[in-house]
Amino acid sequence: MKKIFVLLMTALLVCFMTATSFAADNQEKIDKERAEIDALSVKALDNLYEKVPSSQNIIKNCYAYATLSNTGMKIGLFGDAHGRGLAINNATDEKVYMRMKELGIGIGLGIKEYDLIFVIETENAWKDFISGEIKFAGSAEAAAKDGVTGDSLEGATYASEGIWVYQITKKGLALDASIKGTKVYADKKLNKR
């Protein structure tokens, strides 16, 4: 009886140590991916500020913003893009790691890497954005007043109520530059604390 008890306890201890090891490895992967996304976010903002200097003041003074680094491909009638990024609420300092998926049908050709930088003007727009409630389906004029600070959002495109987006191409060439059919949502795995 003692031998069986010792064997069971040993097996239980081995299982516990293995589970702990897997959990530690998983947390390391999550921390590494968060650090990569943080670095991509800084690069995206630096590229934006270089190309559209007025955007620095917009980002600093808006309610919230998000950066998504993406890779997209369009061949013939079908297109696909995916990305990851970070949403930051300037009012509350909340950080939410995000994912993006885009599917489209329409004529186009090319592969590109690009950043989307979203300017989020209100608390309601923030809540809709991080909840994944918004599906971006179109665009409007390339420059307009933001309605909050009166600053110009030169180079930005209207994406949704209270949300504007800058698109900065990093690599590649594509004949299609819209954000039609785009879904942005919170990354459940990376936002676990």
Protein backbone atom coordinates (compact mmCIF):
# COMPACT_ATOMS: atom_id res chain seq x y z
CA MET A 1 0.00 0.00 0.00
CA LYS A 2 2.87 2.37 0.83
CA LYS A 3 4.51 1.65 -2.54
CA ILE A 4 1.32 2.51 -4.43
CA PHE A 5 0.91 5.69 -2.40
CA VAL A 6 4.54 6.70 -3.09
CA LEU A 7 4.13 5.95 -6.82
CA LEU A 8 0.90 7.96 -7.01
CA MET A 9 2.48 10.90 -5.17
CA THR A 10 5.54 10.77 -7.44
CA ALA A 11 3.34 10.69 -10.55
CA LEU A 12 1.27 13.59 -9.21
CA LEU A 13 4.43 15.60 -8.49
CA VAL A 14 5.79 14.96 -12.00
CA CYS A 15 2.46 16.06 -13.52
CA PHE A 16 2.42 19.21 -11.40
CA MET A 17 6.01 20.12 -12.34
CA THR A 18 5.31 19.52 -16.04
CA ALA A 19 2.17 21.68 -15.95
CA THR A 20 4.08 24.46 -14.19
CA SER A 21 6.83 24.26 -16.81
CA PHE A 22 4.29 24.51 -19.67
CA ALA A 23 2.60 27.49 -17.99
CA ALA A 24 5.96 29.28 -17.60
CA ASP A 25 6.87 28.60 -21.25
CA ASN A 26 3.46 29.87 -22.36
CA GLN A 27 3.82 33.07 -20.29
CA GLU A 28 7.28 33.66 -21.79
CA LYS A 29 5.79 33.37 -25.29
CA ILE A 30 3.01 35.81 -24.38
CA ASP A 31 5.50 38.29 -22.88
CA LYS A 32 7.71 38.01 -25.99
CA GLU A 33 4.78 38.63 -28.35
CA ARG A 34 3.62 41.61 -26.28
CA ALA A 35 7.15 43.08 -26.45
CA GLU A 36 7.22 42.57 -30.25
CA ILE A 37 3.87 44.33 -30.63
CA ASP A 38 4.98 47.20 -28.36
CA ALA A 39 8.06 47.68 -30.60
CA LEU A 40 5.93 47.52 -33.78
CA SER A 41 3.62 50.17 -32.30
CA VAL A 42 6.53 52.54 -31.64
CA LYS A 43 7.84 52.01 -35.20
CA ALA A 44 4.39 52.60 -36.68
CA LEU A 45 4.04 55.91 -34.82
CA ASP A 46 7.58 56.99 -35.78
CA ASN A 47 6.82 56.28 -39.47
CA LEU A 48 3.54 58.18 -39.23
CA TYR A 49 5.15 61.20 -37.52
CA GLU A 50 7.86 61.28 -40.19
CA LYS A 51 5.36 61.22 -43.07
CA VAL A 52 2.59 63.31 -41.46
CA PRO A 53 4.18 65.57 -38.80
CA SER A 54 0.80 67.05 -37.76
CA SER A 55 -0.31 63.58 -36.65
CA GLN A 56 1.92 63.68 -33.56
CA ASN A 57 -0.26 66.36 -31.96
CA ILE A 58 -3.42 64.48 -33.02
CA ILE A 59 -2.23 61.23 -31.38
CA LYS A 60 -1.11 63.03 -28.24
CA ASN A 61 -4.47 64.79 -27.76
CA CYS A 62 -7.01 62.21 -28.94
CA TYR A 63 -9.09 60.10 -26.55
CA ALA A 64 -7.32 56.91 -27.68
CA TYR A 65 -5.37 55.47 -30.59
CA ALA A 66 -4.37 52.10 -31.99
CA THR A 67 -1.58 50.85 -34.20
CA LEU A 68 -1.86 47.66 -36.25
CA SER A 69 1.00 46.23 -38.30
CA ASN A 70 -0.36 44.20 -41.18
CA THR A 71 0.52 42.06 -44.16
CA GLY A 72 -1.88 41.98 -47.07
CA MET A 73 -2.10 40.14 -50.35
CA LYS A 74 -4.44 40.69 -53.26
CA ILE A 75 -4.37 38.54 -56.37
CA GLY A 76 -7.08 38.96 -58.96
CA LEU A 77 -10.47 39.11 -57.32
CA PHE A 78 -9.59 37.91 -53.81
CA GLY A 79 -7.65 39.57 -51.03
CA ASP A 80 -6.61 38.79 -47.50
CA ALA A 81 -4.77 40.69 -44.78
CA HIS A 82 -3.97 40.01 -41.16
CA GLY A 83 -2.22 41.95 -38.46
CA ARG A 84 -1.61 42.58 -34.81
CA GLY A 85 -1.29 45.70 -32.75
CA LEU A 86 -1.97 47.74 -29.69
CA ALA A 87 -4.75 50.12 -28.66
CA ILE A 88 -3.92 52.74 -26.02
CA ASN A 89 -6.45 54.86 -24.18
CA ASN A 90 -4.86 58.27 -23.49
CA ALA A 91 -7.58 59.08 -20.95
CA THR A 92 -7.19 55.94 -18.78
CA ASP A 93 -3.76 54.51 -19.80
CA GLU A 94 -5.48 51.19 -20.63
CA LYS A 95 -3.60 49.00 -23.15
CA VAL A 96 -5.40 46.40 -25.26
CA TYR A 97 -3.58 44.05 -27.65
CA MET A 98 -5.49 43.73 -30.91
CA ARG A 99 -5.77 41.50 -33.99
CA MET A 100 -6.98 42.38 -37.47
CA LYS A 101 -8.44 40.31 -40.28
CA GLU A 102 -9.43 41.59 -43.69
CA LEU A 103 -11.15 39.75 -46.49
CA GLY A 104 -12.10 41.34 -49.74
CA ILE A 105 -13.40 40.75 -53.20
CA GLY A 106 -12.51 43.16 -55.96
CA ILE A 107 -9.88 43.74 -58.57
CA GLY A 108 -6.36 44.18 -57.25
CA LEU A 109 -2.83 42.87 -57.36
CA GLY A 110 0.04 42.95 -54.91
CA ILE A 111 1.55 42.11 -51.57
CA LYS A 112 2.35 44.75 -48.98
CA GLU A 113 3.26 45.35 -45.37
CA TYR A 114 1.57 48.36 -43.87
CA ASP A 115 0.57 50.03 -40.63
CA LEU A 116 -2.89 51.26 -39.74
CA ILE A 117 -2.96 53.95 -37.07
CA PHE A 118 -6.45 54.60 -35.74
CA VAL A 119 -7.38 57.89 -34.06
CA ILE A 120 -10.26 57.26 -31.66
CA GLU A 121 -12.11 60.42 -30.65
CA THR A 122 -14.60 59.35 -27.97
CA GLU A 123 -15.18 56.88 -25.15
CA ASN A 124 -18.01 55.20 -27.10
CA ALA A 125 -15.79 54.81 -30.16
CA TRP A 126 -13.09 53.30 -27.90
CA LYS A 127 -15.51 50.78 -26.41
CA ASP A 128 -16.79 49.80 -29.85
CA PHE A 129 -13.24 49.51 -31.20
CA ILE A 130 -11.81 47.24 -28.48
CA SER A 131 -14.96 45.10 -28.31
CA GLY A 132 -14.69 44.23 -31.99
CA GLU A 133 -18.13 45.70 -32.67
CA ILE A 134 -16.91 47.71 -35.64
CA LYS A 135 -16.39 46.28 -39.11
CA PHE A 136 -14.73 48.84 -41.33
CA ALA A 137 -16.32 48.90 -44.76
CA GLY A 138 -15.47 52.16 -46.49
CA SER A 139 -13.66 55.43 -46.58
CA ALA A 140 -14.37 59.11 -47.12
CA GLU A 141 -12.31 62.24 -47.65
CA ALA A 142 -8.54 62.30 -47.05
CA ALA A 143 -8.49 65.36 -44.77
CA ALA A 144 -11.03 66.76 -42.36
CA LYS A 145 -11.39 68.44 -38.99
CA ASP A 146 -11.59 66.00 -36.08
CA GLY A 147 -14.45 67.82 -34.37
CA VAL A 148 -12.83 67.57 -30.94
CA THR A 149 -9.63 69.60 -30.95
CA GLY A 150 -10.18 71.29 -34.32
CA ASP A 151 -6.94 69.83 -35.63
CA SER A 152 -6.72 68.66 -39.19
CA LEU A 153 -6.49 64.94 -39.75
CA GLU A 154 -4.56 65.44 -42.97
CA GLY A 155 -3.80 62.12 -44.60
CA ALA A 156 -6.32 60.26 -42.44
CA THR A 157 -9.41 58.52 -43.73
CA TYR A 158 -12.80 58.41 -42.02
CA ALA A 159 -13.27 54.80 -40.84
CA SER A 160 -16.32 54.85 -38.57
CA GLU A 161 -18.20 57.11 -36.18
CA GLY A 162 -15.50 58.75 -34.05
CA ILE A 163 -12.64 56.84 -35.70
CA TRP A 164 -10.13 57.97 -38.32
CA VAL A 165 -7.29 55.91 -39.77
CA TYR A 166 -3.88 56.60 -41.28
CA GLN A 167 -2.44 53.93 -43.57
CA ILE A 168 1.35 53.86 -44.02
CA THR A 169 2.84 51.30 -46.41
CA LYS A 170 6.15 49.83 -45.16
CA LYS A 171 7.07 47.33 -47.88
CA GLY A 172 5.65 46.11 -51.14
CA LEU A 173 3.41 47.50 -53.80
CA ALA A 174 -0.29 47.00 -54.17
CA LEU A 175 -2.92 48.55 -56.38
CA ASP A 176 -5.53 48.38 -53.60
CA ALA A 177 -5.21 50.59 -50.49
CA SER A 178 -8.62 50.53 -48.80
CA ILE A 179 -9.61 48.99 -45.48
CA LYS A 180 -12.86 47.52 -46.76
CA GLY A 181 -14.06 44.37 -45.04
CA THR A 182 -11.75 44.82 -42.05
CA LYS A 183 -12.48 43.37 -38.62
CA VAL A 184 -10.42 44.53 -35.63
CA TYR A 185 -10.80 42.70 -32.32
CA ALA A 186 -9.06 42.24 -28.95
CA ASP A 187 -6.55 39.39 -28.69
CA LYS A 188 -7.92 37.25 -25.83
CA LYS A 189 -4.65 35.38 -25.26
CA LEU A 190 -2.45 38.49 -25.04
CA ASN A 191 -4.89 40.44 -22.85
CA LYS A 192 -5.05 37.83 -20.09
CA ARG A 193 -3.38 39.13 -16.93
